[in-house]
Amino acid sequence: MPKMKTHRGTAKRFRVTGSGKIMRGKGYKSHILSKKSPKRKRNFRKETQVAASDRRVIARNLGRR
């Protein structure tokens, strides 16, 4: 059986923490920023955890399990 390859697009968008959580960046932060509050824009900088329903597919694309 050949080795599983990492999906490079997925590898650039997600990262795995030490405890095994899959983190992603937030969307809606690139344009039309004038109507968004400073607090909202600041919170776009933070990463957030991937939804449970998406975790299995992303983990497989990252070459895990």
N, C-alpha and C. Protein backbone atom coordinates (compact mmCIF):
# COMPACT_ATOMS: atom_id res chain seq x y z
N MET A 1 0.84 -1.19 0.00
CA MET A 1 0.00 0.00 0.00
C MET A 1 0.89 1.25 0.00
N PRO A 2 0.67 2.18 -0.94
CA PRO A 2 1.50 3.39 -0.98
C PRO A 2 1.19 4.32 0.19
N LYS A 3 2.13 5.22 0.45
CA LYS A 3 1.93 6.19 1.52
C LYS A 3 0.80 7.14 1.14
N MET A 4 0.12 7.64 2.17
CA MET A 4 -0.94 8.62 1.93
C MET A 4 -0.30 9.99 1.76
N LYS A 5 -0.71 10.72 0.75
CA LYS A 5 -0.15 12.06 0.53
C LYS A 5 -1.01 13.11 1.21
N THR A 6 -0.36 14.14 1.73
CA THR A 6 -1.05 15.27 2.32
C THR A 6 -1.63 16.12 1.19
N HIS A 7 -2.87 16.55 1.33
CA HIS A 7 -3.48 17.46 0.36
C HIS A 7 -2.91 18.84 0.65
N ARG A 8 -2.12 19.38 -0.27
CA ARG A 8 -1.35 20.60 0.00
C ARG A 8 -2.25 21.81 0.24
N GLY A 9 -3.39 21.90 -0.43
CA GLY A 9 -4.31 23.01 -0.20
C GLY A 9 -4.85 22.99 1.21
N THR A 10 -5.14 21.80 1.72
CA THR A 10 -5.64 21.65 3.09
C THR A 10 -4.54 22.00 4.08
N ALA A 11 -3.32 21.57 3.80
CA ALA A 11 -2.19 21.82 4.71
C ALA A 11 -1.92 23.31 4.89
N LYS A 12 -2.22 24.11 3.86
CA LYS A 12 -1.99 25.55 3.93
C LYS A 12 -3.08 26.27 4.72
N ARG A 13 -4.24 25.65 4.84
CA ARG A 13 -5.39 26.31 5.47
C ARG A 13 -5.66 25.91 6.92
N PHE A 14 -5.17 24.74 7.30
CA PHE A 14 -5.46 24.21 8.64
C PHE A 14 -4.18 23.83 9.34
N ARG A 15 -4.22 23.83 10.68
CA ARG A 15 -3.09 23.33 11.46
C ARG A 15 -3.61 22.50 12.61
N VAL A 16 -2.79 21.58 13.08
CA VAL A 16 -3.17 20.68 14.17
C VAL A 16 -2.41 21.10 15.42
N THR A 17 -3.12 21.28 16.52
CA THR A 17 -2.50 21.66 17.78
C THR A 17 -1.83 20.45 18.42
N GLY A 18 -1.12 20.68 19.49
CA GLY A 18 -0.46 19.60 20.20
C GLY A 18 -1.42 18.59 20.77
N SER A 19 -2.62 19.06 21.15
CA SER A 19 -3.63 18.16 21.71
C SER A 19 -4.48 17.49 20.65
N GLY A 20 -4.22 17.82 19.35
CA GLY A 20 -4.92 17.13 18.26
C GLY A 20 -6.11 17.87 17.68
N LYS A 21 -6.39 19.09 18.16
CA LYS A 21 -7.50 19.86 17.59
C LYS A 21 -7.07 20.41 16.23
N ILE A 22 -8.02 20.54 15.32
CA ILE A 22 -7.74 21.12 14.00
C ILE A 22 -8.25 22.55 14.02
N MET A 23 -7.35 23.50 13.74
CA MET A 23 -7.68 24.92 13.80
C MET A 23 -7.74 25.50 12.38
N ARG A 24 -8.59 26.51 12.22
CA ARG A 24 -8.74 27.18 10.92
C ARG A 24 -8.81 28.69 11.14
N GLY A 25 -8.48 29.43 10.09
CA GLY A 25 -8.63 30.88 10.13
C GLY A 25 -10.07 31.24 9.83
N LYS A 26 -10.44 32.47 10.14
CA LYS A 26 -11.81 32.93 9.91
C LYS A 26 -11.92 33.64 8.57
N GLY A 27 -13.11 33.61 8.00
CA GLY A 27 -13.38 34.30 6.74
C GLY A 27 -13.93 35.70 6.99
N TYR A 28 -14.36 36.37 5.92
CA TYR A 28 -14.99 37.70 5.96
C TYR A 28 -14.07 38.80 6.44
N LYS A 29 -12.75 38.65 6.27
CA LYS A 29 -11.84 39.66 6.81
C LYS A 29 -11.03 40.39 5.75
N SER A 30 -11.35 40.17 4.47
CA SER A 30 -10.47 40.72 3.44
C SER A 30 -10.97 42.01 2.76
N HIS A 31 -12.26 42.23 2.70
CA HIS A 31 -12.75 43.46 2.06
C HIS A 31 -14.09 43.87 2.66
N ILE A 32 -14.55 45.07 2.27
CA ILE A 32 -15.75 45.70 2.84
C ILE A 32 -15.61 45.77 4.37
N LEU A 33 -14.47 46.30 4.81
CA LEU A 33 -14.18 46.36 6.25
C LEU A 33 -14.73 47.62 6.91
N SER A 34 -15.15 48.60 6.10
CA SER A 34 -15.60 49.87 6.67
C SER A 34 -16.86 49.72 7.52
N LYS A 35 -17.73 48.80 7.17
CA LYS A 35 -18.98 48.64 7.93
C LYS A 35 -18.83 47.69 9.13
N LYS A 36 -17.66 47.05 9.25
CA LYS A 36 -17.44 46.11 10.36
C LYS A 36 -16.77 46.83 11.52
N SER A 37 -17.22 46.51 12.71
CA SER A 37 -16.70 47.19 13.91
C SER A 37 -15.25 46.74 14.18
N PRO A 38 -14.47 47.60 14.86
CA PRO A 38 -13.09 47.23 15.19
C PRO A 38 -13.01 45.93 16.00
N LYS A 39 -13.96 45.72 16.88
CA LYS A 39 -13.97 44.49 17.70
C LYS A 39 -14.15 43.27 16.81
N ARG A 40 -15.07 43.38 15.86
CA ARG A 40 -15.33 42.27 14.95
C ARG A 40 -14.10 41.97 14.09
N LYS A 41 -13.47 43.02 13.57
CA LYS A 41 -12.27 42.84 12.74
C LYS A 41 -11.12 42.23 13.55
N ARG A 42 -11.00 42.64 14.78
CA ARG A 42 -9.96 42.12 15.67
C ARG A 42 -10.17 40.62 15.91
N ASN A 43 -11.43 40.21 16.07
CA ASN A 43 -11.73 38.80 16.31
C ASN A 43 -11.52 37.92 15.08
N PHE A 44 -11.48 38.53 13.90
CA PHE A 44 -11.19 37.76 12.68
C PHE A 44 -9.76 37.25 12.68
N ARG A 45 -8.86 37.89 13.45
CA ARG A 45 -7.45 37.48 13.48
C ARG A 45 -7.26 36.14 14.17
N LYS A 46 -8.13 35.82 15.11
CA LYS A 46 -7.99 34.61 15.90
C LYS A 46 -8.38 33.37 15.10
N GLU A 47 -7.74 32.27 15.43
CA GLU A 47 -8.13 31.00 14.83
C GLU A 47 -9.28 30.41 15.62
N THR A 48 -10.02 29.52 14.99
CA THR A 48 -11.11 28.84 15.67
C THR A 48 -11.06 27.36 15.32
N GLN A 49 -11.72 26.56 16.12
CA GLN A 49 -11.71 25.12 15.92
C GLN A 49 -12.63 24.72 14.78
N VAL A 50 -12.24 23.71 14.02
CA VAL A 50 -13.04 23.20 12.91
C VAL A 50 -14.27 22.48 13.48
N ALA A 51 -15.40 22.60 12.80
CA ALA A 51 -16.64 21.95 13.23
C ALA A 51 -16.47 20.44 13.25
N ALA A 52 -17.16 19.79 14.16
CA ALA A 52 -17.06 18.34 14.33
C ALA A 52 -17.42 17.59 13.05
N SER A 53 -18.39 18.11 12.30
CA SER A 53 -18.84 17.45 11.08
C SER A 53 -17.78 17.46 9.97
N ASP A 54 -16.87 18.43 10.01
CA ASP A 54 -15.82 18.54 8.98
C ASP A 54 -14.51 17.89 9.39
N ARG A 55 -14.37 17.59 10.66
CA ARG A 55 -13.08 17.14 11.22
C ARG A 55 -12.52 15.89 10.54
N ARG A 56 -13.37 14.90 10.28
CA ARG A 56 -12.90 13.63 9.73
C ARG A 56 -12.27 13.81 8.35
N VAL A 57 -12.95 14.54 7.48
CA VAL A 57 -12.46 14.74 6.11
C VAL A 57 -11.16 15.54 6.11
N ILE A 58 -11.10 16.59 6.92
CA ILE A 58 -9.89 17.43 6.98
C ILE A 58 -8.72 16.64 7.52
N ALA A 59 -8.96 15.85 8.57
CA ALA A 59 -7.90 15.03 9.16
C ALA A 59 -7.34 14.05 8.13
N ARG A 60 -8.21 13.47 7.33
CA ARG A 60 -7.77 12.53 6.29
C ARG A 60 -6.93 13.26 5.23
N ASN A 61 -7.36 14.46 4.85
CA ASN A 61 -6.59 15.24 3.86
C ASN A 61 -5.23 15.68 4.40
N LEU A 62 -5.14 15.82 5.73
CA LEU A 62 -3.86 16.18 6.34
C LEU A 62 -2.97 14.97 6.56
N GLY A 63 -3.46 13.78 6.19
CA GLY A 63 -2.67 12.57 6.30
C GLY A 63 -2.69 11.96 7.68
N ARG A 64 -3.74 12.24 8.45
CA ARG A 64 -3.87 11.70 9.79
C ARG A 64 -4.94 10.62 9.80
N ARG A 65 -4.64 9.48 10.36
CA ARG A 65 -5.55 8.34 10.48
C ARG A 65 -6.23 8.00 9.16
